[in-house]
Amino acid sequence: MAFIAKTFYDLRATSLQGESIDFNIYRGRVVLIENVLNELQGRYPHRLVVLGFPCNQFGYQENCTNGEILNSLMHVRPGGGFKPCFTMFEKCDVNGTNTHPVFAYLKDKLPYPDDDPSILIQDPKFLVWSPVSRADISWNFEKFLIGPEGEPFKRYSKNFKTIDIEPDIQRLLKLTKN
């Protein structure tokens, strides 16, 4: 079983550049966590933090090495010189025995997406981890929103568009002290 932190601020993760980042630096800010590109990047500077976590557990869609991920984003998908303006972390497992502590914590606090609590992986050939849990992330594009006090606020399914999270972000931003 993966370690489950007591608070969001007890967590840390390693960026693609190899820097260990202590989540205490996000105190007082709204945090959006997802493993894909984000339409909200740069929209609320200094108040909204977007954290990207690549994962290869869903159809092996992220089969680059950590060192190749940024070049892949820039030249392949989405391409066109794209450079994320949010922190990208090393590729990690979000389900199974080797679940990264960030996702063990988030799934413990938010065991299913708010907008689709019954969503599950439907094709067993995509279950490439063990053990399987009801709280598992069902596919890429699931998102987690964290309030400015570090409390996980809401989990969104793969079908919920990131841009549609904006009203929840604005609601949480009203709680920030900046």
C-alpha atoms as a PDB file:
ATOM      1  CA  MET A   1       0.000   0.000   0.000  1.00  0.00           C
ATOM      2  CA  ALA A   2       1.265   3.454  -0.910  1.00  0.00           C
ATOM      3  CA  PHE A   3       2.120   6.005   1.740  1.00  0.00           C
ATOM      4  CA  ILE A   4      -0.739   8.450   2.315  1.00  0.00           C
ATOM      5  CA  ALA A   5       0.295  11.907   3.500  1.00  0.00           C
ATOM      6  CA  LYS A   6      -1.599  13.636   6.293  1.00  0.00           C
ATOM      7  CA  THR A   7      -1.925  16.911   4.339  1.00  0.00           C
ATOM      8  CA  PHE A   8      -1.364  18.183   0.830  1.00  0.00           C
ATOM      9  CA  TYR A   9       1.553  20.225   2.144  1.00  0.00           C
ATOM     10  CA  ASP A  10       3.340  17.084   3.355  1.00  0.00           C
ATOM     11  CA  LEU A  11       3.749  16.004  -0.275  1.00  0.00           C
ATOM     12  CA  ARG A  12       6.644  16.474  -2.638  1.00  0.00           C
ATOM     13  CA  ALA A  13       7.422  15.382  -6.182  1.00  0.00           C
ATOM     14  CA  THR A  14      10.328  15.553  -8.619  1.00  0.00           C
ATOM     15  CA  SER A  15      10.077  17.941 -11.573  1.00  0.00           C
ATOM     16  CA  LEU A  16      11.144  16.925 -15.080  1.00  0.00           C
ATOM     17  CA  GLN A  17      14.306  18.919 -14.421  1.00  0.00           C
ATOM     18  CA  GLY A  18      15.099  16.640 -11.441  1.00  0.00           C
ATOM     19  CA  GLU A  19      14.277  19.174  -8.695  1.00  0.00           C
ATOM     20  CA  SER A  20      12.479  17.869  -5.607  1.00  0.00           C
ATOM     21  CA  ILE A  21       9.560  20.231  -5.016  1.00  0.00           C
ATOM     22  CA  ASP A  22       8.043  20.565  -1.545  1.00  0.00           C
ATOM     23  CA  PHE A  23       4.315  21.272  -1.854  1.00  0.00           C
ATOM     24  CA  ASN A  24       4.558  23.793   0.988  1.00  0.00           C
ATOM     25  CA  ILE A  25       5.429  26.345  -1.704  1.00  0.00           C
ATOM     26  CA  TYR A  26       1.799  26.159  -2.868  1.00  0.00           C
ATOM     27  CA  ARG A  27       0.312  27.362   0.444  1.00  0.00           C
ATOM     28  CA  GLY A  28      -2.417  29.940  -0.074  1.00  0.00           C
ATOM     29  CA  ARG A  29      -2.821  29.162  -3.770  1.00  0.00           C
ATOM     30  CA  VAL A  30      -5.402  27.166  -5.680  1.00  0.00           C
ATOM     31  CA  VAL A  31      -3.813  24.091  -7.297  1.00  0.00           C
ATOM     32  CA  LEU A  32      -5.062  22.156 -10.322  1.00  0.00           C
ATOM     33  CA  ILE A  33      -3.458  18.766 -10.908  1.00  0.00           C
ATOM     34  CA  GLU A  34      -3.769  16.859 -14.144  1.00  0.00           C
ATOM     35  CA  ASN A  35      -1.606  14.793 -16.399  1.00  0.00           C
ATOM     36  CA  VAL A  36      -2.282  16.513 -19.697  1.00  0.00           C
ATOM     37  CA  LEU A  37      -2.190  19.914 -21.364  1.00  0.00           C
ATOM     38  CA  ASN A  38      -4.152  22.644 -19.708  1.00  0.00           C
ATOM     39  CA  GLU A  39      -6.288  25.387 -21.240  1.00  0.00           C
ATOM     40  CA  LEU A  40      -6.116  27.438 -18.032  1.00  0.00           C
ATOM     41  CA  GLN A  41      -2.331  27.757 -17.929  1.00  0.00           C
ATOM     42  CA  GLY A  42      -1.306  31.345 -17.324  1.00  0.00           C
ATOM     43  CA  ARG A  43      -4.848  32.612 -16.792  1.00  0.00           C
ATOM     44  CA  TYR A  44      -4.498  33.394 -13.059  1.00  0.00           C
ATOM     45  CA  PRO A  45      -0.799  34.057 -12.467  1.00  0.00           C
ATOM     46  CA  HIS A  46       0.403  33.846  -8.859  1.00  0.00           C
ATOM     47  CA  ARG A  47      -3.002  32.610  -7.661  1.00  0.00           C
ATOM     48  CA  LEU A  48      -3.560  29.374  -9.589  1.00  0.00           C
ATOM     49  CA  VAL A  49      -0.862  26.739  -9.844  1.00  0.00           C
ATOM     50  CA  VAL A  50      -1.146  24.017 -12.476  1.00  0.00           C
ATOM     51  CA  LEU A  51       0.845  20.836 -11.904  1.00  0.00           C
ATOM     52  CA  GLY A  52       1.237  18.280 -14.680  1.00  0.00           C
ATOM     53  CA  PHE A  53       1.962  14.622 -13.957  1.00  0.00           C
ATOM     54  CA  PRO A  54       2.550  12.449 -17.041  1.00  0.00           C
ATOM     55  CA  CYS A  55       1.497   8.817 -16.682  1.00  0.00           C
ATOM     56  CA  ASN A  56       1.918   5.801 -18.962  1.00  0.00           C
ATOM     57  CA  GLN A  57      -0.730   3.578 -17.350  1.00  0.00           C
ATOM     58  CA  PHE A  58      -3.504   4.404 -19.830  1.00  0.00           C
ATOM     59  CA  GLY A  59      -3.028   2.739 -23.177  1.00  0.00           C
ATOM     60  CA  TYR A  60       0.716   3.416 -22.880  1.00  0.00           C
ATOM     61  CA  GLN A  61       0.050   6.921 -24.226  1.00  0.00           C
ATOM     62  CA  GLU A  62       3.067   8.481 -22.481  1.00  0.00           C
ATOM     63  CA  ASN A  63       5.858   6.156 -23.520  1.00  0.00           C
ATOM     64  CA  CYS A  64       8.560   8.844 -23.641  1.00  0.00           C
ATOM     65  CA  THR A  65      11.295   8.935 -21.047  1.00  0.00           C
ATOM     66  CA  ASN A  66      11.252  11.863 -18.628  1.00  0.00           C
ATOM     67  CA  GLY A  67      14.024  13.471 -20.673  1.00  0.00           C
ATOM     68  CA  GLU A  68      11.955  13.227 -23.870  1.00  0.00           C
ATOM     69  CA  ILE A  69       8.617  14.542 -22.573  1.00  0.00           C
ATOM     70  CA  LEU A  70       9.220  18.282 -23.101  1.00  0.00           C
ATOM     71  CA  ASN A  71      10.614  17.726 -26.610  1.00  0.00           C
ATOM     72  CA  SER A  72       7.636  15.522 -27.414  1.00  0.00           C
ATOM     73  CA  LEU A  73       5.248  18.273 -26.299  1.00  0.00           C
ATOM     74  CA  MET A  74       7.166  20.863 -28.304  1.00  0.00           C
ATOM     75  CA  HIS A  75       7.506  18.908 -31.543  1.00  0.00           C
ATOM     76  CA  VAL A  76       4.937  16.090 -31.593  1.00  0.00           C
ATOM     77  CA  ARG A  77       1.818  16.612 -29.522  1.00  0.00           C
ATOM     78  CA  PRO A  78       0.580  19.233 -29.461  1.00  0.00           C
ATOM     79  CA  GLY A  79       3.671  20.396 -31.371  1.00  0.00           C
ATOM     80  CA  GLY A  80       4.103  23.805 -32.917  1.00  0.00           C
ATOM     81  CA  GLY A  81       6.755  24.792 -30.366  1.00  0.00           C
ATOM     82  CA  PHE A  82       4.443  24.278 -27.357  1.00  0.00           C
ATOM     83  CA  LYS A  83       6.111  24.895 -23.997  1.00  0.00           C
ATOM     84  CA  PRO A  84       4.072  24.319 -20.846  1.00  0.00           C
ATOM     85  CA  CYS A  85       3.997  27.321 -18.533  1.00  0.00           C
ATOM     86  CA  PHE A  86       3.209  25.101 -15.567  1.00  0.00           C
ATOM     87  CA  THR A  87       5.340  22.704 -13.561  1.00  0.00           C
ATOM     88  CA  MET A  88       5.718  19.284 -15.143  1.00  0.00           C
ATOM     89  CA  PHE A  89       6.760  16.433 -12.908  1.00  0.00           C
ATOM     90  CA  GLU A  90       8.432  13.145 -13.691  1.00  0.00           C
ATOM     91  CA  LYS A  91       6.246  10.450 -15.133  1.00  0.00           C
ATOM     92  CA  CYS A  92       4.630   8.436 -12.363  1.00  0.00           C
ATOM     93  CA  ASP A  93       2.114   5.718 -11.609  1.00  0.00           C
ATOM     94  CA  VAL A  94      -1.260   6.987 -10.439  1.00  0.00           C
ATOM     95  CA  ASN A  95      -2.700   3.520  -9.710  1.00  0.00           C
ATOM     96  CA  GLY A  96      -1.502   0.189  -8.354  1.00  0.00           C
ATOM     97  CA  THR A  97       1.334  -0.868  -6.079  1.00  0.00           C
ATOM     98  CA  ASN A  98       3.645   1.971  -7.129  1.00  0.00           C
ATOM     99  CA  THR A  99       1.080   4.784  -6.871  1.00  0.00           C
ATOM    100  CA  HIS A 100       2.866   8.093  -6.406  1.00  0.00           C
ATOM    101  CA  PRO A 101       2.185   9.588  -2.941  1.00  0.00           C
ATOM    102  CA  VAL A 102       0.470  12.631  -4.511  1.00  0.00           C
ATOM    103  CA  PHE A 103      -2.156  10.397  -6.107  1.00  0.00           C
ATOM    104  CA  ALA A 104      -2.452   8.069  -3.109  1.00  0.00           C
ATOM    105  CA  TYR A 105      -3.335  11.165  -1.062  1.00  0.00           C
ATOM    106  CA  LEU A 106      -5.722  12.635  -3.642  1.00  0.00           C
ATOM    107  CA  LYS A 107      -7.579   9.352  -4.228  1.00  0.00           C
ATOM    108  CA  ASP A 108      -7.889   8.841  -0.472  1.00  0.00           C
ATOM    109  CA  LYS A 109      -9.483  12.297  -0.066  1.00  0.00           C
ATOM    110  CA  LEU A 110     -11.504  12.240  -3.313  1.00  0.00           C
ATOM    111  CA  PRO A 111     -12.246   8.577  -4.128  1.00  0.00           C
ATOM    112  CA  TYR A 112     -14.262   9.268  -7.289  1.00  0.00           C
ATOM    113  CA  PRO A 113     -14.945  12.100  -9.750  1.00  0.00           C
ATOM    114  CA  ASP A 114     -17.623  14.502  -8.541  1.00  0.00           C
ATOM    115  CA  ASP A 115     -19.218  14.779 -11.993  1.00  0.00           C
ATOM    116  CA  ASP A 116     -19.317  11.009 -12.669  1.00  0.00           C
ATOM    117  CA  PRO A 117     -19.037   8.924  -9.470  1.00  0.00           C
ATOM    118  CA  SER A 118     -19.713   5.624 -11.251  1.00  0.00           C
ATOM    119  CA  ILE A 119     -17.029   5.895 -13.937  1.00  0.00           C
ATOM    120  CA  LEU A 120     -14.730   2.890 -14.183  1.00  0.00           C
ATOM    121  CA  ILE A 121     -12.323   1.502 -16.731  1.00  0.00           C
ATOM    122  CA  GLN A 122     -14.556  -0.620 -18.917  1.00  0.00           C
ATOM    123  CA  ASP A 123     -12.065  -2.569 -21.004  1.00  0.00           C
ATOM    124  CA  PRO A 124      -9.970  -4.980 -18.903  1.00  0.00           C
ATOM    125  CA  LYS A 125      -7.089  -4.879 -21.413  1.00  0.00           C
ATOM    126  CA  PHE A 126      -6.348  -1.367 -20.117  1.00  0.00           C
ATOM    127  CA  LEU A 127      -5.885  -2.550 -16.534  1.00  0.00           C
ATOM    128  CA  VAL A 128      -2.092  -2.686 -16.483  1.00  0.00           C
ATOM    129  CA  TRP A 129      -1.643  -2.284 -12.727  1.00  0.00           C
ATOM    130  CA  SER A 130      -2.365  -4.222  -9.592  1.00  0.00           C
ATOM    131  CA  PRO A 131      -4.098  -4.131  -7.238  1.00  0.00           C
ATOM    132  CA  VAL A 132      -7.137  -2.510  -8.807  1.00  0.00           C
ATOM    133  CA  SER A 133      -9.180  -0.241  -6.541  1.00  0.00           C
ATOM    134  CA  ARG A 134     -12.570   1.471  -6.888  1.00  0.00           C
ATOM    135  CA  ALA A 135     -10.826   4.821  -6.285  1.00  0.00           C
ATOM    136  CA  ASP A 136      -8.418   4.288  -9.198  1.00  0.00           C
ATOM    137  CA  ILE A 137      -8.081   6.954 -11.827  1.00  0.00           C
ATOM    138  CA  SER A 138      -9.935   5.570 -14.810  1.00  0.00           C
ATOM    139  CA  TRP A 139      -8.041   7.232 -17.651  1.00  0.00           C
ATOM    140  CA  ASN A 140      -5.872  10.192 -18.600  1.00  0.00           C
ATOM    141  CA  PHE A 141      -7.506  13.592 -18.269  1.00  0.00           C
ATOM    142  CA  GLU A 142      -8.847  13.184 -14.726  1.00  0.00           C
ATOM    143  CA  LYS A 143      -8.217  16.352 -12.739  1.00  0.00           C
ATOM    144  CA  PHE A 144      -7.991  17.345  -9.053  1.00  0.00           C
ATOM    145  CA  LEU A 145      -8.630  20.821  -7.664  1.00  0.00           C
ATOM    146  CA  ILE A 146      -7.068  21.826  -4.347  1.00  0.00           C
ATOM    147  CA  GLY A 147      -8.236  24.836  -2.322  1.00  0.00           C
ATOM    148  CA  PRO A 148      -5.929  27.563  -0.979  1.00  0.00           C
ATOM    149  CA  GLU A 149      -5.767  25.906   2.464  1.00  0.00           C
ATOM    150  CA  GLY A 150      -4.575  22.626   0.913  1.00  0.00           C
ATOM    151  CA  GLU A 151      -7.906  20.819   1.099  1.00  0.00           C
ATOM    152  CA  PRO A 152      -8.754  18.666  -1.927  1.00  0.00           C
ATOM    153  CA  PHE A 153     -11.914  20.302  -3.273  1.00  0.00           C
ATOM    154  CA  LYS A 154     -13.087  18.273  -6.244  1.00  0.00           C
ATOM    155  CA  ARG A 155     -12.089  15.471  -8.605  1.00  0.00           C
ATOM    156  CA  TYR A 156     -13.254  15.638 -12.221  1.00  0.00           C
ATOM    157  CA  SER A 157     -13.664  12.773 -14.686  1.00  0.00           C
ATOM    158  CA  LYS A 158     -11.838  12.428 -17.979  1.00  0.00           C
ATOM    159  CA  ASN A 159     -14.981  13.705 -19.722  1.00  0.00           C
ATOM    160  CA  PHE A 160     -15.133  16.997 -17.790  1.00  0.00           C
ATOM    161  CA  LYS A 161     -13.419  19.713 -19.827  1.00  0.00           C
ATOM    162  CA  THR A 162     -10.693  21.552 -17.975  1.00  0.00           C
ATOM    163  CA  ILE A 163     -12.053  24.921 -19.086  1.00  0.00           C
ATOM    164  CA  ASP A 164     -15.355  24.049 -17.364  1.00  0.00           C
ATOM    165  CA  ILE A 165     -13.535  23.906 -14.002  1.00  0.00           C
ATOM    166  CA  GLU A 166     -13.076  27.665 -14.147  1.00  0.00           C
ATOM    167  CA  PRO A 167     -16.184  28.527 -12.039  1.00  0.00           C
ATOM    168  CA  ASP A 168     -14.857  26.285  -9.243  1.00  0.00           C
ATOM    169  CA  ILE A 169     -11.423  27.887  -9.571  1.00  0.00           C
ATOM    170  CA  GLN A 170     -12.943  31.359  -9.325  1.00  0.00           C
ATOM    171  CA  ARG A 171     -14.930  30.288  -6.254  1.00  0.00           C
ATOM    172  CA  LEU A 172     -11.742  29.046  -4.559  1.00  0.00           C
ATOM    173  CA  LEU A 173      -9.754  32.102  -5.637  1.00  0.00           C
ATOM    174  CA  LYS A 174     -12.173  34.241  -3.619  1.00  0.00           C
ATOM    175  CA  LEU A 175     -10.858  32.406  -0.540  1.00  0.00           C
ATOM    176  CA  THR A 176      -7.216  33.285  -1.232  1.00  0.00           C
ATOM    177  CA  LYS A 177      -5.531  36.043   0.744  1.00  0.00           C
ATOM    178  CA  ASN A 178      -3.729  37.591  -2.288  1.00  0.00           C
END
